[in-house]
């Protein structure tokens, strides 16, 4: 891996997010220092729903409609969700039956187990327990684990994979582990900083035409 370019890329990406999305940076720093102990049922369901809907969708679209989605899912009240039989309300917000069905089934699974019991099992089994929830896969389990304070990890999303490839890293874990260690930052923070920079095409701020062009000229 080209370590010097990796550090330069991260420094520029961090500068970008400090200027463009400081609230987002503060949020990820806060959750990366949190623990699973303090999370409530409603907070967990909020993050679970967020991760399910963000997978494959543009984050900006989800952000714009998440308030309406929350209302359609009874404000993530676990008891009310357990009694919910129709998907009509969430489908009016996002016409995606698979995502709506996955989240509702998962919310009911957590309610049936009992959230305190579910949290104890999460601590014991880690991300594998999250994989049992409908709509959560190998990449999204890392996203959810980071967001709930279960684990400091980076998710293998498309942007981190592209950056890792351009830097000749073996994968996203090598990239995030190296930057975490050498920049004294949590892996979850490294993940979000690089993802946000790429998602926003932040390289345009440096007069680059593409991610590849930006990385190639980091030595300049």
Protein backbone atom coordinates (compact mmCIF):
# COMPACT_ATOMS: atom_id res chain seq x y z
CA UNK A 1 0.00 0.00 0.00
CA UNK A 2 1.18 3.53 -0.77
CA UNK A 3 1.20 4.78 2.80
CA UNK A 4 2.27 8.33 2.09
CA UNK A 5 -0.57 8.84 -0.37
CA UNK A 6 -2.98 7.22 2.07
CA UNK A 7 -2.06 9.74 4.76
CA UNK A 8 -2.25 12.66 2.35
CA UNK A 9 -5.65 11.54 1.10
CA UNK A 10 -6.97 11.22 4.64
CA UNK A 11 -5.67 14.64 5.65
CA UNK A 12 -7.37 16.29 2.68
CA UNK A 13 -10.58 14.31 3.22
CA UNK A 14 -10.58 15.31 6.89
CA UNK A 15 -10.10 18.97 5.98
CA UNK A 16 -13.03 18.67 3.58
CA UNK A 17 -15.43 17.17 6.12
CA UNK A 18 -14.42 19.68 8.81
CA UNK A 19 -15.45 22.44 6.44
CA UNK A 20 -18.45 20.83 4.74
CA UNK A 21 -19.97 18.47 7.33
CA UNK A 22 -18.67 19.32 10.83
CA UNK A 23 -21.83 18.01 12.52
CA UNK A 24 -21.38 14.66 10.81
CA UNK A 25 -17.76 14.46 11.95
CA UNK A 26 -18.73 15.29 15.53
CA UNK A 27 -21.47 12.64 15.41
CA UNK A 28 -19.16 9.84 14.26
CA UNK A 29 -16.51 10.79 16.82
CA UNK A 30 -19.17 10.60 19.53
CA UNK A 31 -20.53 7.20 18.52
CA UNK A 32 -17.03 5.80 18.02
CA UNK A 33 -16.35 6.56 21.65
CA UNK A 34 -19.68 5.20 22.88
CA UNK A 35 -20.54 1.75 24.19
CA UNK A 36 -23.47 -0.52 23.59
CA UNK A 37 -24.54 -0.22 27.24
CA UNK A 38 -26.11 3.19 26.87
CA UNK A 39 -28.22 2.57 23.77
CA UNK A 40 -32.01 2.40 24.11
CA UNK A 41 -34.43 0.27 22.12
CA UNK A 42 -35.62 3.27 20.13
CA UNK A 43 -32.05 4.36 19.35
CA UNK A 44 -31.16 0.88 18.18
CA UNK A 45 -34.23 0.65 15.95
CA UNK A 46 -33.43 4.08 14.52
CA UNK A 47 -29.96 2.95 13.49
CA UNK A 48 -31.22 -0.41 12.26
CA UNK A 49 -33.79 1.26 10.02
CA UNK A 50 -31.24 3.78 8.80
CA UNK A 51 -28.75 1.08 7.77
CA UNK A 52 -31.39 -1.07 6.06
CA UNK A 53 -32.65 1.83 3.96
CA UNK A 54 -29.22 3.33 3.20
CA UNK A 55 -28.01 0.11 1.61
CA UNK A 56 -28.21 0.69 -2.13
CA UNK A 57 -29.86 4.11 -1.78
CA UNK A 58 -28.29 7.57 -1.93
CA UNK A 59 -27.81 8.81 1.62
CA UNK A 60 -29.13 12.28 0.77
CA UNK A 61 -32.43 10.75 -0.35
CA UNK A 62 -32.74 8.84 2.94
CA UNK A 63 -31.83 11.93 4.96
CA UNK A 64 -34.54 13.97 3.28
CA UNK A 65 -37.26 11.43 4.00
CA UNK A 66 -36.10 9.77 7.21
CA UNK A 67 -38.36 11.90 9.41
CA UNK A 68 -41.38 10.74 7.44
CA UNK A 69 -40.12 7.17 7.48
CA UNK A 70 -39.76 7.32 11.26
CA UNK A 71 -43.36 8.48 11.63
CA UNK A 72 -44.55 5.70 9.30
CA UNK A 73 -42.85 3.17 11.58
CA UNK A 74 -44.62 4.50 14.67
CA UNK A 75 -41.65 6.66 15.71
CA UNK A 76 -39.73 3.43 16.36
CA UNK A 77 -41.81 2.59 19.41
CA UNK A 78 -41.05 -1.13 19.76
CA UNK A 79 -44.43 -2.07 21.26
CA UNK A 80 -46.35 -0.24 18.53
CA UNK A 81 -44.13 -1.76 15.84
CA UNK A 82 -44.83 -5.22 17.19
CA UNK A 83 -48.55 -4.65 16.69
CA UNK A 84 -48.08 -3.17 13.20
CA UNK A 85 -49.66 -5.32 10.48
CA UNK A 86 -49.68 -3.11 7.39
CA UNK A 87 -46.77 -1.71 5.40
CA UNK A 88 -48.93 0.90 3.68
CA UNK A 89 -47.53 3.85 5.65
CA UNK A 90 -43.81 3.18 5.05
CA UNK A 91 -44.49 2.28 1.43
CA UNK A 92 -45.99 5.74 0.96
CA UNK A 93 -42.56 7.15 1.93
CA UNK A 94 -40.36 4.66 0.04
CA UNK A 95 -42.04 2.24 -2.30
CA UNK A 96 -39.69 -0.60 -1.40
CA UNK A 97 -41.57 -3.51 0.11
CA UNK A 98 -38.47 -5.61 0.74
CA UNK A 99 -36.77 -3.00 2.93
CA UNK A 100 -39.97 -2.16 4.81
CA UNK A 101 -40.71 -5.83 5.44
CA UNK A 102 -37.13 -6.58 6.54
CA UNK A 103 -37.06 -3.78 9.07
CA UNK A 104 -40.48 -4.54 10.52
CA UNK A 105 -39.73 -8.26 10.86
CA UNK A 106 -36.41 -7.47 12.52
CA UNK A 107 -37.99 -5.00 14.92
CA UNK A 108 -40.50 -7.67 15.93
CA UNK A 109 -37.71 -10.21 16.43
CA UNK A 110 -35.92 -7.84 18.81
CA UNK A 111 -39.17 -7.14 20.69
CA UNK A 112 -39.91 -10.85 21.10
CA UNK A 113 -36.42 -11.55 22.44
CA UNK A 114 -36.49 -8.50 24.68
CA UNK A 115 -34.00 -5.70 24.09
CA UNK A 116 -31.97 -6.32 27.29
CA UNK A 117 -31.55 -9.98 26.26
CA UNK A 118 -30.71 -8.94 22.70
CA UNK A 119 -28.00 -6.55 23.96
CA UNK A 120 -26.47 -9.25 26.15
CA UNK A 121 -26.33 -11.56 23.15
CA UNK A 122 -24.79 -8.82 21.03
CA UNK A 123 -21.99 -8.41 23.55
CA UNK A 124 -21.36 -12.15 23.50
CA UNK A 125 -21.75 -12.89 19.78
CA UNK A 126 -20.75 -9.54 18.29
CA UNK A 127 -21.66 -8.73 14.71
CA UNK A 128 -22.84 -12.28 14.04
CA UNK A 129 -25.96 -11.50 16.06
CA UNK A 130 -26.67 -8.50 13.85
CA UNK A 131 -26.46 -10.71 10.76
CA UNK A 132 -29.54 -12.57 11.98
CA UNK A 133 -31.64 -9.46 11.49
CA UNK A 134 -33.49 -9.21 8.15
CA UNK A 135 -31.85 -6.74 5.79
CA UNK A 136 -28.43 -6.95 7.46
CA UNK A 137 -25.59 -8.56 5.50
CA UNK A 138 -21.80 -8.75 5.58
CA UNK A 139 -21.26 -5.06 4.82
CA UNK A 140 -24.27 -3.60 6.59
CA UNK A 141 -23.51 -5.48 9.82
CA UNK A 142 -20.31 -3.43 10.09
CA UNK A 143 -22.22 -0.24 9.38
CA UNK A 144 -24.76 -1.03 12.10
CA UNK A 145 -22.10 -2.23 14.56
CA UNK A 146 -20.27 1.07 14.21
CA UNK A 147 -23.42 3.16 14.55
CA UNK A 148 -24.56 1.51 17.78
CA UNK A 149 -21.14 1.53 19.47
CA UNK A 150 -20.74 -2.25 19.35
CA UNK A 151 -17.44 -2.25 17.51
CA UNK A 152 -14.93 0.20 16.09
CA UNK A 153 -14.86 -0.93 12.50
CA UNK A 154 -14.87 0.27 8.90
CA UNK A 155 -17.44 -1.06 6.46
CA UNK A 156 -16.42 -2.47 3.08
CA UNK A 157 -18.44 -0.06 1.00
CA UNK A 158 -17.75 0.72 -2.64
CA UNK A 159 -15.88 3.97 -2.00
CA UNK A 160 -13.47 2.53 0.53
CA UNK A 161 -12.84 -0.41 -1.79
CA UNK A 162 -12.06 1.97 -4.65
CA UNK A 163 -9.69 4.03 -2.52
CA UNK A 164 -7.96 0.88 -1.26
CA UNK A 165 -7.54 -0.37 -4.82
CA UNK A 166 -6.08 2.93 -6.07
CA UNK A 167 -3.62 2.90 -3.16
CA UNK A 168 -2.62 -0.72 -3.81
CA UNK A 169 -3.90 -1.83 -0.41
CA UNK A 170 -4.95 -5.44 0.12
CA UNK A 171 -8.42 -4.21 1.12
CA UNK A 172 -10.38 -1.76 3.22
CA UNK A 173 -9.18 -3.28 6.48
CA UNK A 174 -5.52 -2.66 5.71
CA UNK A 175 -6.35 0.90 4.70
CA UNK A 176 -8.53 1.71 7.73
CA UNK A 177 -6.22 -0.05 10.21
CA UNK A 178 -3.17 1.84 8.94
CA UNK A 179 -4.86 5.25 8.98
CA UNK A 180 -6.42 4.59 12.37
CA UNK A 181 -3.03 3.80 13.87
CA UNK A 182 -1.03 6.52 12.13
CA UNK A 183 -3.61 9.29 12.40
CA UNK A 184 -4.62 8.43 15.98
CA UNK A 185 -8.26 8.03 15.03
CA UNK A 186 -10.95 5.38 15.36
CA UNK A 187 -11.50 3.12 12.36
CA UNK A 188 -15.14 4.16 12.28
CA UNK A 189 -14.10 7.80 11.95
CA UNK A 190 -11.62 6.98 9.18
CA UNK A 191 -14.41 5.13 7.39
CA UNK A 192 -16.86 8.02 7.49
CA UNK A 193 -14.29 10.68 6.57
CA UNK A 194 -13.19 8.84 3.43
CA UNK A 195 -16.71 7.76 2.52
CA UNK A 196 -18.13 11.29 2.85
CA UNK A 197 -15.27 12.83 0.87
CA UNK A 198 -15.77 10.38 -1.98
CA UNK A 199 -19.57 10.39 -1.84
CA UNK A 200 -19.55 14.19 -2.18
CA UNK A 201 -16.86 14.03 -4.89
CA UNK A 202 -14.76 16.19 -2.61
CA UNK A 203 -11.81 15.81 -4.95
CA UNK A 204 -13.39 18.59 -7.03
CA UNK A 205 -12.34 20.98 -4.26
CA UNK A 206 -8.77 20.12 -5.24
CA UNK A 207 -9.38 20.59 -8.98
CA UNK A 208 -9.33 16.86 -9.68
CA UNK A 209 -11.66 15.34 -12.25
CA UNK A 210 -12.05 11.95 -10.56
CA UNK A 211 -10.95 9.90 -7.57
CA UNK A 212 -8.24 8.31 -9.68
CA UNK A 213 -6.99 11.71 -10.85
CA UNK A 214 -7.01 13.03 -7.27
CA UNK A 215 -4.97 10.10 -5.91
CA UNK A 216 -2.50 10.13 -8.79
CA UNK A 217 -1.70 13.78 -8.11
CA UNK A 218 -1.35 13.56 -4.33
CA UNK A 219 2.43 13.80 -4.71
CA UNK A 220 2.18 17.09 -6.55
